[in-house]
């Protein structure tokens, strides 16, 4: 049964005639363009493979909402801009959201309620979560292997932690001095194929708020490197990490794994003394030019905890901004790449784009809605958000050649998914009527064809 609200709103003087607004249009939705999500998911088989990792202990004869339906309801809902389970009560009868779950959009079974979804999120165990995380990475790797068809020469792995503030008594929420807040500390992993600009999400692992930056990194790296080598046997693998990962264990692992690596390193008094001549030279250059100046070099360096000296690329820089005092800005990168120092540092700087992906996850998909009291349901929410992001990234990849090819997730949702629609159903077919005045018709059609639709 379709719910409606007959209470009207009157604008009596704002327009040349009185305008009445009434929320009473049956069989309509504000997510008419979200059918793209279903098409992309069918191509990737993402939710299906994640669902295969879960067991359902409920009695089959009493089950109304199967796990796959609940999983898709959450993933598609997050992608559509509904990150909270509370939104489910309002969307239970939405014809497009029902259609995405292969239900009749007019008379089909209503979607899962907020209590049903909450029970679903709290039903997972550690084994399920581990398997789902593996499946997410496998889907991403296999999909791009099929797309590139053996043309991948180099794959770059980036790992980066991010803050997930907590506001209650969530399990394993601790105070983090770096972020000055109680939080979780998720680890986000992305893959870059060849020199493509997009970095594709393959991992999102929730960690306690007091976890060291490098905690869990070796496990994530060993799993994804093995997966990549199985699918791309001839590819060169490169790993980029920031300064928090420069532990002896991680550096030893990267060398034993036979990958190229670039790992940031924090400065210390010994390094500062070693590069002092270069810093004095760059200060002179900056003083003469009146602008920011940089010089690059490399040195051999060994800490007490390292088993051997390693190559250290150094950027000696003086930063100048109008109206501010000039500031020294030395940067260090541990690497086994033999290119020129300036080229190596430029490659390392490319990892900064991972921060843009993390911002998309926060502001576009609300990845920080980890408000469950227990840790495992919060990890599940993180994986659900990661799955939604994978679908949205695939929509963006298929937007190549359109005005939306570089759009942010929130922009794509606004322009491609959030389209007012009236749904009509006959015996033979279902027709979704979208606004003729939509400015993004051509982009939407182009993406739809790219993911399998026909004109």
Protein backbone atom coordinates (compact mmCIF):
# COMPACT_ATOMS: atom_id res chain seq x y z
CA UNK A 1 0.00 0.00 0.00
CA UNK A 2 1.31 3.44 -0.93
CA UNK A 3 1.47 6.00 1.85
CA UNK A 4 0.55 9.59 1.10
CA UNK A 5 0.41 12.89 2.92
CA UNK A 6 -2.59 15.03 2.08
CA UNK A 7 -1.60 18.05 4.17
CA UNK A 8 -0.99 20.92 1.73
CA UNK A 9 1.21 24.02 1.91
CA UNK A 10 -0.03 27.34 0.53
CA UNK A 11 2.13 30.10 -0.93
CA UNK A 12 -0.46 32.87 -1.09
CA UNK A 13 1.61 35.93 -2.06
CA UNK A 14 4.98 34.72 -3.36
CA UNK A 15 3.77 34.10 -6.92
CA UNK A 16 1.39 35.82 -9.33
CA UNK A 17 -1.28 33.30 -8.33
CA UNK A 18 -1.73 31.31 -5.08
CA UNK A 19 0.35 28.13 -5.19
CA UNK A 20 -0.60 25.00 -3.27
CA UNK A 21 1.93 22.21 -2.69
CA UNK A 22 0.56 18.78 -1.81
CA UNK A 23 2.52 15.57 -1.25
CA UNK A 24 -0.07 13.24 -2.76
CA UNK A 25 1.41 11.89 -6.01
CA UNK A 26 1.08 8.09 -5.92
CA UNK A 27 3.61 5.69 -7.47
CA UNK A 28 6.30 8.37 -7.60
CA UNK A 29 9.86 8.66 -6.34
CA UNK A 30 12.62 11.22 -5.98
CA UNK A 31 15.21 8.58 -6.99
CA UNK A 32 14.17 7.86 -10.57
CA UNK A 33 17.74 7.72 -11.87
CA UNK A 34 18.85 5.16 -9.27
CA UNK A 35 18.16 2.32 -11.70
CA UNK A 36 21.77 2.94 -12.79
CA UNK A 37 22.87 1.43 -9.47
CA UNK A 38 21.08 -1.81 -10.20
CA UNK A 39 22.59 -2.03 -13.69
CA UNK A 40 26.12 -1.44 -12.40
CA UNK A 41 25.66 -3.93 -9.58
CA UNK A 42 24.43 -6.57 -12.00
CA UNK A 43 27.60 -6.09 -14.06
CA UNK A 44 29.88 -6.32 -11.02
CA UNK A 45 27.84 -8.92 -9.06
CA UNK A 46 29.09 -7.01 -6.01
CA UNK A 47 26.16 -7.36 -3.61
CA UNK A 48 25.57 -10.95 -4.68
CA UNK A 49 29.13 -11.95 -3.84
CA UNK A 50 29.14 -10.08 -0.56
CA UNK A 51 25.86 -11.76 0.36
CA UNK A 52 27.38 -15.18 -0.33
CA UNK A 53 29.66 -14.58 2.66
CA UNK A 54 26.73 -14.43 5.07
CA UNK A 55 24.70 -17.22 6.57
CA UNK A 56 21.09 -16.68 7.60
CA UNK A 57 20.18 -18.53 10.81
CA UNK A 58 16.49 -17.60 10.53
CA UNK A 59 13.81 -20.19 9.76
CA UNK A 60 13.26 -20.00 5.97
CA UNK A 61 9.47 -20.27 6.21
CA UNK A 62 9.29 -17.18 8.41
CA UNK A 63 11.67 -14.98 6.42
CA UNK A 64 10.05 -12.01 4.65
CA UNK A 65 13.17 -9.98 3.83
CA UNK A 66 16.08 -12.14 2.68
CA UNK A 67 19.65 -11.11 3.48
CA UNK A 68 20.37 -10.19 -0.14
CA UNK A 69 17.37 -7.84 -0.20
CA UNK A 70 18.43 -6.19 3.05
CA UNK A 71 22.01 -5.88 1.86
CA UNK A 72 20.94 -4.27 -1.41
CA UNK A 73 18.45 -2.03 0.37
CA UNK A 74 21.27 -0.65 2.53
CA UNK A 75 23.88 -0.34 -0.23
CA UNK A 76 21.54 1.26 -2.76
CA UNK A 77 20.07 3.46 -0.03
CA UNK A 78 23.50 4.74 1.03
CA UNK A 79 24.40 5.48 -2.59
CA UNK A 80 21.07 7.30 -3.01
CA UNK A 81 21.76 9.55 -0.03
CA UNK A 82 20.04 7.65 2.79
CA UNK A 83 22.85 6.56 5.15
CA UNK A 84 20.62 6.03 8.20
CA UNK A 85 18.43 3.02 8.87
CA UNK A 86 15.81 5.49 10.11
CA UNK A 87 15.23 6.54 6.50
CA UNK A 88 13.84 3.07 5.74
CA UNK A 89 10.45 3.81 7.28
CA UNK A 90 9.82 6.65 4.81
CA UNK A 91 11.19 4.68 1.87
CA UNK A 92 9.44 1.38 2.54
CA UNK A 93 6.88 2.00 -0.24
CA UNK A 94 9.10 3.93 -2.68
CA UNK A 95 8.49 2.34 -6.11
CA UNK A 96 12.04 2.84 -7.38
CA UNK A 97 13.65 1.45 -4.24
CA UNK A 98 11.34 -1.57 -4.49
CA UNK A 99 12.17 -1.98 -8.17
CA UNK A 100 15.89 -2.06 -7.32
CA UNK A 101 15.17 -5.14 -5.19
CA UNK A 102 13.32 -6.86 -8.06
CA UNK A 103 9.92 -6.24 -6.46
CA UNK A 104 6.84 -4.98 -8.21
CA UNK A 105 7.11 -1.19 -7.83
CA UNK A 106 3.36 -0.70 -7.32
CA UNK A 107 2.06 -3.71 -5.41
CA UNK A 108 5.27 -5.43 -4.36
CA UNK A 109 6.27 -6.26 -0.80
CA UNK A 110 7.32 -3.21 1.21
CA UNK A 111 11.00 -2.84 2.03
CA UNK A 112 12.60 -3.70 5.36
CA UNK A 113 11.85 -1.38 8.27
CA UNK A 114 14.39 0.32 10.50
CA UNK A 115 14.23 -2.41 13.19
CA UNK A 116 14.66 -5.10 10.53
CA UNK A 117 17.72 -3.37 9.08
CA UNK A 118 19.20 -2.80 12.52
CA UNK A 119 18.83 -6.49 13.38
CA UNK A 120 20.44 -7.31 10.04
CA UNK A 121 23.44 -5.09 10.74
CA UNK A 122 23.89 -6.63 14.17
CA UNK A 123 23.70 -10.21 12.87
CA UNK A 124 27.18 -10.40 11.29
CA UNK A 125 30.15 -12.08 12.95
CA UNK A 126 33.91 -11.70 12.46
CA UNK A 127 34.10 -14.53 9.92
CA UNK A 128 31.37 -12.91 7.79
CA UNK A 129 33.12 -9.55 7.90
CA UNK A 130 36.48 -10.98 6.86
CA UNK A 131 34.93 -12.86 3.96
CA UNK A 132 32.96 -9.78 2.83
CA UNK A 133 36.10 -7.63 2.88
CA UNK A 134 37.89 -10.21 0.73
CA UNK A 135 34.97 -10.38 -1.69
CA UNK A 136 34.90 -6.61 -2.10
CA UNK A 137 38.59 -6.57 -3.03
CA UNK A 138 38.21 -9.58 -5.34
CA UNK A 139 35.32 -7.98 -7.23
CA UNK A 140 37.27 -4.77 -7.78
CA UNK A 141 40.42 -6.56 -8.96
CA UNK A 142 38.61 -9.02 -11.24
CA UNK A 143 36.44 -6.32 -12.77
CA UNK A 144 39.40 -4.17 -13.74
CA UNK A 145 41.31 -7.20 -14.99
CA UNK A 146 38.45 -7.86 -17.40
CA UNK A 147 38.32 -4.20 -18.34
CA UNK A 148 42.04 -3.80 -19.02
CA UNK A 149 42.41 -7.18 -20.75
CA UNK A 150 46.11 -7.65 -19.97
CA UNK A 151 47.08 -4.02 -20.56
CA UNK A 152 47.94 -3.23 -16.94
CA UNK A 153 51.66 -2.46 -16.63
CA UNK A 154 51.75 -1.01 -13.12
CA UNK A 155 49.30 -1.01 -10.22
CA UNK A 156 49.76 1.44 -7.36
CA UNK A 157 48.44 0.61 -3.90
CA UNK A 158 47.71 3.48 -1.49
CA UNK A 159 46.71 3.05 2.15
CA UNK A 160 45.60 5.90 4.36
CA UNK A 161 43.91 6.15 7.77
CA UNK A 162 41.11 8.60 8.47
CA UNK A 163 39.26 9.89 11.50
CA UNK A 164 35.78 8.60 12.27
CA UNK A 165 34.53 10.66 15.26
CA UNK A 166 32.35 8.85 17.79
CA UNK A 167 29.72 10.46 19.99
CA UNK A 168 28.70 7.84 22.51
CA UNK A 169 29.84 4.66 24.19
CA UNK A 170 30.74 2.77 21.02
CA UNK A 171 32.87 -0.30 21.60
CA UNK A 172 36.62 0.30 20.95
CA UNK A 173 36.13 4.04 20.61
CA UNK A 174 39.19 5.71 22.18
CA UNK A 175 40.73 9.15 22.42
CA UNK A 176 43.22 9.88 19.63
CA UNK A 177 45.75 12.58 20.43
CA UNK A 178 46.50 13.35 16.78
CA UNK A 179 42.87 14.15 15.98
CA UNK A 180 42.10 15.38 19.53
CA UNK A 181 38.84 13.45 19.66
CA UNK A 182 37.24 10.15 20.56
CA UNK A 183 37.04 8.22 17.33
CA UNK A 184 37.59 5.13 15.26
CA UNK A 185 40.52 5.06 12.85
CA UNK A 186 39.45 3.33 9.61
CA UNK A 187 42.04 2.26 7.03
CA UNK A 188 41.16 3.03 3.40
CA UNK A 189 42.90 1.26 0.53
CA UNK A 190 42.78 2.19 -3.17
CA UNK A 191 44.22 0.87 -6.45
CA UNK A 192 45.46 2.93 -9.39
CA UNK A 193 45.91 1.17 -12.73
CA UNK A 194 48.71 2.45 -14.97
CA UNK A 195 48.49 6.26 -15.05
CA UNK A 196 44.70 6.53 -14.77
CA UNK A 197 43.48 9.40 -12.64
CA UNK A 198 40.89 7.37 -10.74
CA UNK A 199 41.92 5.43 -7.64
CA UNK A 200 39.53 2.54 -6.99
CA UNK A 201 38.53 1.59 -3.46
CA UNK A 202 39.33 -2.00 -2.49
CA UNK A 203 39.47 -1.93 1.32
CA UNK A 204 37.79 -0.17 4.24
CA UNK A 205 38.80 -1.61 7.59
CA UNK A 206 37.53 -0.19 10.88
CA UNK A 207 40.11 0.03 13.68
CA UNK A 208 40.04 1.19 17.31
CA UNK A 209 40.60 4.89 17.87
CA UNK A 210 43.96 4.34 19.58
CA UNK A 211 45.36 2.08 16.84
CA UNK A 212 48.81 2.88 15.49
CA UNK A 213 48.70 4.25 11.96
CA UNK A 214 50.32 1.08 10.60
CA UNK A 215 48.11 -1.42 12.44
CA UNK A 216 46.75 -4.02 10.03
CA UNK A 217 48.67 -2.66 7.04
CA UNK A 218 50.75 -5.78 6.45
CA UNK A 219 47.66 -7.99 6.49
CA UNK A 220 45.85 -5.75 3.98
CA UNK A 221 48.92 -5.47 1.75
CA UNK A 222 49.73 -9.18 1.76
CA UNK A 223 46.15 -10.06 0.81
CA UNK A 224 45.83 -7.54 -2.03
CA UNK A 225 49.33 -8.17 -3.42
CA UNK A 226 48.65 -11.90 -3.61
CA UNK A 227 45.31 -11.20 -5.30
CA UNK A 228 46.88 -8.83 -7.83
CA UNK A 229 49.68 -11.24 -8.71
CA UNK A 230 47.20 -14.04 -9.24
CA UNK A 231 45.14 -11.95 -11.67
CA UNK A 232 47.94 -9.77 -13.13
CA UNK A 233 50.98 -12.10 -13.13
CA UNK A 234 53.26 -9.71 -15.07
CA UNK A 235 52.26 -6.40 -13.50
CA UNK A 236 54.64 -4.19 -11.50
CA UNK A 237 53.24 -3.31 -8.09
CA UNK A 238 54.00 -0.04 -6.32
CA UNK A 239 53.04 0.84 -2.74
CA UNK A 240 52.76 4.42 -1.40
CA UNK A 241 52.36 5.10 2.32
CA UNK A 242 52.65 8.18 4.50
CA UNK A 243 55.07 8.71 7.37
CA UNK A 244 52.99 6.82 9.93
CA UNK A 245 53.76 3.55 8.12
CA UNK A 246 57.57 3.84 8.19
CA UNK A 247 58.08 1.07 10.73
CA UNK A 248 60.89 -1.49 10.38
CA UNK A 249 58.34 -4.31 10.04
CA UNK A 250 56.52 -2.67 7.11
CA UNK A 251 59.72 -1.70 5.28
CA UNK A 252 61.09 -5.23 5.69
CA UNK A 253 57.78 -6.67 4.45
CA UNK A 254 57.74 -4.44 1.35
CA UNK A 255 61.26 -5.49 0.41
CA UNK A 256 60.52 -9.17 0.96
CA UNK A 257 57.35 -8.80 -1.13
CA UNK A 258 59.47 -7.51 -4.04
CA UNK A 259 57.39 -4.42 -4.74
CA UNK A 260 58.34 -0.83 -5.43
CA UNK A 261 57.67 1.32 -2.40
CA UNK A 262 57.60 4.98 -1.39
CA UNK A 263 57.07 5.58 2.33
CA UNK A 264 57.11 8.98 4.00
CA UNK A 265 59.50 9.48 6.90
CA UNK A 266 59.43 11.97 9.75
CA UNK A 267 62.44 14.24 10.12
CA UNK A 268 64.88 14.12 13.03
CA UNK A 269 67.97 15.98 14.16
CA UNK A 270 70.35 13.54 12.44
CA UNK A 271 68.63 14.02 9.07
CA UNK A 272 68.45 17.77 9.54
CA UNK A 273 72.19 17.91 10.14
CA UNK A 274 72.86 15.76 7.09
CA UNK A 275 70.85 17.96 4.72
CA UNK A 276 71.85 21.30 6.27
CA UNK A 277 74.02 22.35 3.27
CA UNK A 278 71.09 21.75 0.92
CA UNK A 279 68.72 23.73 3.16
CA UNK A 280 71.14 26.66 3.24
CA UNK A 281 71.33 26.60 -0.56
CA UNK A 282 67.54 26.61 -0.98
CA UNK A 283 67.18 29.47 1.52
CA UNK A 284 69.48 31.57 -0.68
CA UNK A 285 67.47 30.69 -3.79
CA UNK A 286 64.19 31.61 -2.10
CA UNK A 287 65.60 34.86 -0.71
CA UNK A 288 66.73 35.94 -4.18
CA UNK A 289 63.54 34.94 -6.01
CA UNK A 290 61.08 35.93 -3.27
CA UNK A 291 59.10 32.74 -3.99
CA UNK A 292 58.86 29.18 -2.71
CA UNK A 293 61.89 27.20 -3.88
CA UNK A 294 62.79 23.50 -3.68
CA UNK A 295 65.88 21.36 -4.20
CA UNK A 296 66.02 17.56 -4.29
CA UNK A 297 68.66 15.01 -3.45
CA UNK A 298 69.02 11.49 -2.13
CA UNK A 299 71.07 10.05 0.71
CA UNK A 300 71.75 6.69 2.33
CA UNK A 301 70.24 6.53 5.79
CA UNK A 302 69.84 3.90 8.50
CA UNK A 303 68.02 4.13 11.81
CA UNK A 304 69.02 2.01 14.80
CA UNK A 305 66.01 -0.25 14.19
CA UNK A 306 66.76 -0.87 10.51
CA UNK A 307 68.83 -3.86 9.47
CA UNK A 308 70.53 -1.96 6.64
CA UNK A 309 70.80 1.52 5.08
CA UNK A 310 68.05 2.55 2.67
CA UNK A 311 67.69 5.19 0.00
CA UNK A 312 66.13 8.39 1.30
CA UNK A 313 64.85 11.00 -1.17
CA UNK A 314 64.93 14.50 0.30
CA UNK A 315 63.00 17.60 -0.69
CA UNK A 316 64.58 20.71 0.83
CA UNK A 317 62.07 23.51 0.51
CA UNK A 318 61.48 27.03 1.75
CA UNK A 319 57.83 28.06 1.62
CA UNK A 320 56.87 31.70 1.12
CA UNK A 321 53.40 33.21 1.21
CA UNK A 322 52.60 36.94 0.90
CA UNK A 323 52.55 38.56 4.32
CA UNK A 324 54.04 35.54 6.09
CA UNK A 325 57.50 34.66 7.34
CA UNK A 326 59.42 32.20 5.16
CA UNK A 327 59.30 28.66 6.53
CA UNK A 328 61.61 25.65 6.07
CA UNK A 329 59.77 22.57 4.83
CA UNK A 330 61.98 19.50 4.54
CA UNK A 331 60.34 16.24 3.43
CA UNK A 332 61.73 12.69 3.36
CA UNK A 333 60.68 9.56 1.46
CA UNK A 334 62.16 6.10 1.92
CA UNK A 335 62.16 4.24 -1.39
CA UNK A 336 63.73 1.48 -3.44
CA UNK A 337 62.91 3.21 -6.74
CA UNK A 338 66.06 4.28 -8.62
CA UNK A 339 64.63 7.23 -10.56
CA UNK A 340 65.90 10.78 -10.07
CA UNK A 341 64.98 12.28 -6.67
CA UNK A 342 62.62 14.92 -8.07
CA UNK A 343 60.78 12.30 -10.14
CA UNK A 344 60.49 9.98 -7.13
CA UNK A 345 59.02 12.74 -4.98
CA UNK A 346 56.54 13.64 -7.71
CA UNK A 347 55.35 10.03 -7.74
CA UNK A 348 55.00 10.07 -3.96
CA UNK A 349 52.95 13.27 -4.08
CA UNK A 350 50.39 11.43 -6.21
CA UNK A 351 49.15 9.68 -3.07
CA UNK A 352 47.60 12.97 -1.98
CA UNK A 353 44.60 12.21 -4.19
CA UNK A 354 43.65 9.42 -1.79
CA UNK A 355 42.63 12.16 0.64
CA UNK A 356 40.09 13.35 -1.95
CA UNK A 357 38.59 9.85 -2.05
CA UNK A 358 38.36 9.84 1.73
CA UNK A 359 36.58 13.21 1.62
CA UNK A 360 34.10 11.72 -0.86
CA UNK A 361 33.46 8.86 1.52
CA UNK A 362 32.86 11.26 4.40
CA UNK A 363 30.87 14.00 2.68
CA UNK A 364 29.33 12.07 -0.19
CA UNK A 365 28.38 8.80 1.51
CA UNK A 366 28.60 9.52 5.27
CA UNK A 367 31.09 6.75 5.98
CA UNK A 368 31.32 7.99 9.57
CA UNK A 369 27.76 6.89 10.51
CA UNK A 370 29.21 4.25 12.81
CA UNK A 371 26.77 4.82 15.66
CA UNK A 372 26.10 1.20 16.67
CA UNK A 373 27.16 0.35 20.20
CA UNK A 374 29.11 -2.77 19.11
CA UNK A 375 32.21 -2.74 16.94
CA UNK A 376 31.27 -5.44 14.40
CA UNK A 377 28.04 -3.78 13.18
CA UNK A 378 30.04 -0.58 12.70
CA UNK A 379 32.58 -2.46 10.59
CA UNK A 380 29.64 -3.84 8.59
CA UNK A 381 28.35 -0.32 8.01
CA UNK A 382 31.79 0.67 6.79
CA UNK A 383 31.75 -2.20 4.28
CA UNK A 384 28.23 -1.28 3.13
CA UNK A 385 29.41 2.27 2.48
CA UNK A 386 32.49 0.96 0.67
CA UNK A 387 30.25 -1.17 -1.57
CA UNK A 388 28.09 1.88 -2.36
CA UNK A 389 31.26 3.81 -3.23
CA UNK A 390 32.44 1.05 -5.58
CA UNK A 391 29.11 1.28 -7.45
CA UNK A 392 29.33 5.08 -7.68
CA UNK A 393 32.93 4.90 -8.88
CA UNK A 394 31.84 2.56 -11.66
CA UNK A 395 29.09 4.99 -12.67
CA UNK A 396 31.71 7.77 -12.80
CA UNK A 397 34.04 5.61 -14.90
CA UNK A 398 31.21 5.04 -17.37
CA UNK A 399 30.59 8.80 -17.45
CA UNK A 400 33.82 9.26 -19.46
CA UNK A 401 33.26 11.72 -22.26
CA UNK A 402 30.36 13.45 -20.50
CA UNK A 403 30.31 16.60 -18.38
CA UNK A 404 30.16 14.38 -15.28
CA UNK A 405 33.35 12.38 -15.90
CA UNK A 406 35.16 14.13 -13.05
CA UNK A 407 32.17 14.88 -10.83
CA UNK A 408 32.18 14.29 -7.09
CA UNK A 409 29.96 11.54 -5.68
CA UNK A 410 27.49 14.05 -4.23
CA UNK A 411 27.26 15.84 -7.60
CA UNK A 412 26.64 12.59 -9.47
CA UNK A 413 23.90 11.64 -7.04
CA UNK A 414 22.21 15.02 -7.42
CA UNK A 415 22.36 14.99 -11.20
CA UNK A 416 21.94 11.32 -12.07
CA UNK A 417 20.03 9.61 -9.26
CA UNK A 418 17.87 12.27 -7.62
CA UNK A 419 15.39 12.63 -10.48
CA UNK A 420 11.69 12.96 -9.79
CA UNK A 421 9.88 10.03 -11.35
CA UNK A 422 6.39 8.65 -11.86
CA UNK A 423 6.27 4.88 -12.23
CA UNK A 424 3.69 3.25 -14.51
CA UNK A 425 3.22 -0.50 -14.73
CA UNK A 426 1.32 -2.51 -17.28
CA UNK A 427 1.03 -6.25 -17.84
CA UNK A 428 4.03 -6.23 -20.20
CA UNK A 429 6.40 -3.61 -18.85
CA UNK A 430 7.33 -0.94 -16.31
CA UNK A 431 7.84 2.64 -17.47
CA UNK A 432 9.69 5.24 -15.40
CA UNK A 433 8.71 8.77 -16.45
CA UNK A 434 11.54 11.25 -15.73
CA UNK A 435 11.44 15.06 -16.19
CA UNK A 436 11.82 16.16 -19.79
CA UNK A 437 13.51 19.33 -18.55
CA UNK A 438 16.35 17.45 -16.79
CA UNK A 439 19.64 19.21 -17.75
CA UNK A 440 21.64 15.97 -17.58
CA UNK A 441 19.61 13.80 -19.97
CA UNK A 442 22.49 13.18 -22.39
CA UNK A 443 24.93 12.20 -19.63
CA UNK A 444 22.36 9.88 -18.05
CA UNK A 445 21.60 8.18 -21.35
CA UNK A 446 25.30 7.78 -22.15
CA UNK A 447 25.99 6.10 -18.80
CA UNK A 448 22.88 3.91 -19.10
CA UNK A 449 24.03 2.59 -22.48
CA UNK A 450 27.55 2.04 -21.14
CA UNK A 451 26.22 -0.19 -18.33
CA UNK A 452 24.00 -2.29 -20.60
CA UNK A 453 20.84 -0.38 -21.48
CA UNK A 454 19.57 0.05 -25.05
CA UNK A 455 18.28 3.19 -26.75
